[in-house]
């Protein structure tokens, strides 16, 4: 991968999967897709992005989902793990890097105020597209695609 990807695709996996995309220079889009539709959307997006930007200029980031005792008590729903598996397969198929990120890191760094500053705040019923935008912002800041200093308030 080059120092700065030209395209970042971020995912909040689940029964309703949130997605957010950043294409340079600073073109942002986000949305949500249902369980059965998301893999087709991701495959189409990756195929088109690889054709336009090249596989080395694309990064996919996804929320890490770990089943622990607390998760097992809440739900037995496998959707998040299944979406991550589908995404992992698609990234390998298209030869694109996949990075898993902690939900806690994304939520603590990518606050609503930061998303609003960028014009990326997109509330929805389940909050999935905003969560995808949080992962996108975290990845973009880590890669210095977005300079985190834009969030510093002048004294």
Protein backbone atom coordinates (compact mmCIF):
# COMPACT_ATOMS: atom_id res chain seq x y z
CA UNK A 1 0.00 0.00 0.00
CA UNK A 2 1.17 3.50 -0.71
CA UNK A 3 1.65 5.92 2.18
CA UNK A 4 -1.86 7.29 1.75
CA UNK A 5 -4.63 5.25 0.17
CA UNK A 6 -6.78 6.95 -2.40
CA UNK A 7 -9.85 5.06 -1.20
CA UNK A 8 -10.87 3.88 2.26
CA UNK A 9 -13.95 1.71 2.79
CA UNK A 10 -15.06 1.39 6.44
CA UNK A 11 -17.56 -1.12 7.79
CA UNK A 12 -19.63 -1.53 10.95
CA UNK A 13 -20.76 -5.16 10.51
CA UNK A 14 -24.07 -6.60 11.68
CA UNK A 15 -27.60 -7.51 10.69
CA UNK A 16 -27.70 -3.96 9.36
CA UNK A 17 -24.20 -3.11 8.22
CA UNK A 18 -23.03 0.48 8.15
CA UNK A 19 -20.52 1.55 5.53
CA UNK A 20 -18.60 4.73 4.84
CA UNK A 21 -16.25 5.62 2.00
CA UNK A 22 -13.59 8.25 1.60
CA UNK A 23 -12.22 8.86 -1.87
CA UNK A 24 -9.49 11.40 -2.32
CA UNK A 25 -9.69 14.28 -2.47
CA UNK A 26 -12.09 14.20 0.51
CA UNK A 27 -15.22 12.79 -1.13
CA UNK A 28 -17.28 11.13 1.62
CA UNK A 29 -20.36 8.90 1.37
CA UNK A 30 -22.05 6.53 3.82
CA UNK A 31 -25.07 4.31 4.16
CA UNK A 32 -26.44 1.05 5.48
CA UNK A 33 -27.16 -2.30 3.89
CA UNK A 34 -29.09 -5.34 5.06
CA UNK A 35 -27.51 -8.67 5.91
CA UNK A 36 -28.02 -10.28 2.51
CA UNK A 37 -27.29 -7.16 0.45
CA UNK A 38 -24.02 -6.00 2.04
CA UNK A 39 -21.65 -8.62 0.52
CA UNK A 40 -22.88 -7.74 -2.98
CA UNK A 41 -22.49 -4.01 -2.30
CA UNK A 42 -18.95 -4.55 -0.94
CA UNK A 43 -17.98 -6.77 -3.88
CA UNK A 44 -19.24 -4.24 -6.41
CA UNK A 45 -17.53 -1.34 -4.63
CA UNK A 46 -14.21 -3.19 -4.34
CA UNK A 47 -14.32 -4.28 -7.97
CA UNK A 48 -14.97 -0.72 -9.19
CA UNK A 49 -12.42 0.81 -6.78
CA UNK A 50 -9.67 -1.62 -7.78
CA UNK A 51 -10.38 -0.83 -11.42
CA UNK A 52 -10.17 2.91 -10.78
CA UNK A 53 -7.49 3.23 -8.07
CA UNK A 54 -5.54 -0.04 -8.12
CA UNK A 55 -5.52 -2.55 -5.30
CA UNK A 56 -2.46 -0.97 -3.63
CA UNK A 57 -4.34 2.32 -3.16
CA UNK A 58 -7.33 0.93 -1.28
CA UNK A 59 -7.79 0.16 2.40
CA UNK A 60 -10.76 -1.57 4.00
CA UNK A 61 -11.28 -1.06 7.73
CA UNK A 62 -13.83 -2.98 9.75
CA UNK A 63 -14.94 -3.04 13.34
CA UNK A 64 -13.43 -5.98 15.20
CA UNK A 65 -16.11 -8.17 16.76
CA UNK A 66 -15.10 -10.56 19.50
CA UNK A 67 -17.49 -12.91 21.23
CA UNK A 68 -16.91 -12.94 24.97
CA UNK A 69 -19.05 -13.93 27.96
CA UNK A 70 -20.92 -10.60 27.87
CA UNK A 71 -21.60 -10.83 24.14
CA UNK A 72 -22.82 -14.42 24.45
CA UNK A 73 -25.34 -13.38 27.11
CA UNK A 74 -26.72 -10.56 24.94
CA UNK A 75 -27.18 -12.38 21.64
CA UNK A 76 -26.40 -15.50 19.68
CA UNK A 77 -26.73 -13.58 16.41
CA UNK A 78 -23.82 -14.45 14.10
CA UNK A 79 -24.33 -11.57 11.65
CA UNK A 80 -21.32 -9.49 12.57
CA UNK A 81 -18.92 -12.42 12.35
CA UNK A 82 -20.48 -13.55 9.07
CA UNK A 83 -20.15 -10.07 7.55
CA UNK A 84 -16.51 -9.87 8.68
CA UNK A 85 -15.86 -13.26 7.11
CA UNK A 86 -17.50 -12.22 3.84
CA UNK A 87 -15.51 -8.98 3.84
CA UNK A 88 -12.26 -10.82 4.58
CA UNK A 89 -12.95 -13.13 1.62
CA UNK A 90 -13.75 -10.20 -0.70
CA UNK A 91 -10.60 -8.34 0.33
CA UNK A 92 -8.49 -11.41 -0.45
CA UNK A 93 -10.30 -11.89 -3.74
CA UNK A 94 -9.63 -8.28 -4.76
CA UNK A 95 -6.12 -8.25 -3.16
CA UNK A 96 -7.01 -5.33 -0.90
CA UNK A 97 -5.74 -4.82 2.65
CA UNK A 98 -8.22 -5.33 5.50
CA UNK A 99 -7.59 -3.84 8.94
CA UNK A 100 -9.78 -4.63 11.96
CA UNK A 101 -10.22 -1.85 14.51
CA UNK A 102 -11.52 -1.78 18.05
CA UNK A 103 -15.01 -0.31 18.47
CA UNK A 104 -13.84 1.46 21.64
CA UNK A 105 -10.97 3.21 19.89
CA UNK A 106 -13.20 4.38 17.05
CA UNK A 107 -15.89 5.71 19.41
CA UNK A 108 -13.46 7.47 21.73
CA UNK A 109 -11.48 9.15 18.94
CA UNK A 110 -14.23 9.80 16.41
CA UNK A 111 -16.75 11.75 18.45
CA UNK A 112 -19.98 13.16 17.03
CA UNK A 113 -18.45 16.64 17.18
CA UNK A 114 -15.51 15.54 15.01
CA UNK A 115 -17.82 13.85 12.53
CA UNK A 116 -19.94 17.02 12.41
CA UNK A 117 -16.84 19.18 11.84
CA UNK A 118 -16.08 17.13 8.73
CA UNK A 119 -19.71 16.95 7.60
CA UNK A 120 -19.65 13.19 8.13
CA UNK A 121 -22.23 12.89 10.88
CA UNK A 122 -25.05 10.76 9.52
CA UNK A 123 -27.47 9.60 12.22
CA UNK A 124 -29.67 6.59 11.54
CA UNK A 125 -31.96 4.39 13.59
CA UNK A 126 -29.27 1.91 14.62
CA UNK A 127 -26.35 4.31 14.28
CA UNK A 128 -24.50 1.93 11.97
CA UNK A 129 -23.50 4.39 9.28
CA UNK A 130 -22.19 6.81 11.92
CA UNK A 131 -20.19 3.95 13.47
CA UNK A 132 -18.72 3.16 10.05
CA UNK A 133 -17.81 6.85 9.70
CA UNK A 134 -16.08 6.64 13.09
CA UNK A 135 -13.89 3.78 11.84
CA UNK A 136 -13.22 5.71 8.65
CA UNK A 137 -12.11 8.79 10.57
CA UNK A 138 -9.85 6.76 12.87
CA UNK A 139 -8.16 5.07 9.90
CA UNK A 140 -7.85 8.33 7.96
CA UNK A 141 -6.24 10.05 10.97
CA UNK A 142 -3.85 7.15 11.57
CA UNK A 143 -2.76 7.28 7.93
CA UNK A 144 -2.57 11.09 8.00
CA UNK A 145 -5.07 11.31 5.17
CA UNK A 146 -6.80 13.70 7.55
CA UNK A 147 -4.63 15.84 9.79
CA UNK A 148 -5.95 15.36 13.36
CA UNK A 149 -4.94 18.94 14.13
CA UNK A 150 -8.07 20.14 12.30
CA UNK A 151 -9.95 19.22 15.48
CA UNK A 152 -7.86 21.40 17.78
CA UNK A 153 -9.71 24.49 18.89
CA UNK A 154 -7.95 27.79 18.73
CA UNK A 155 -7.14 29.22 22.14
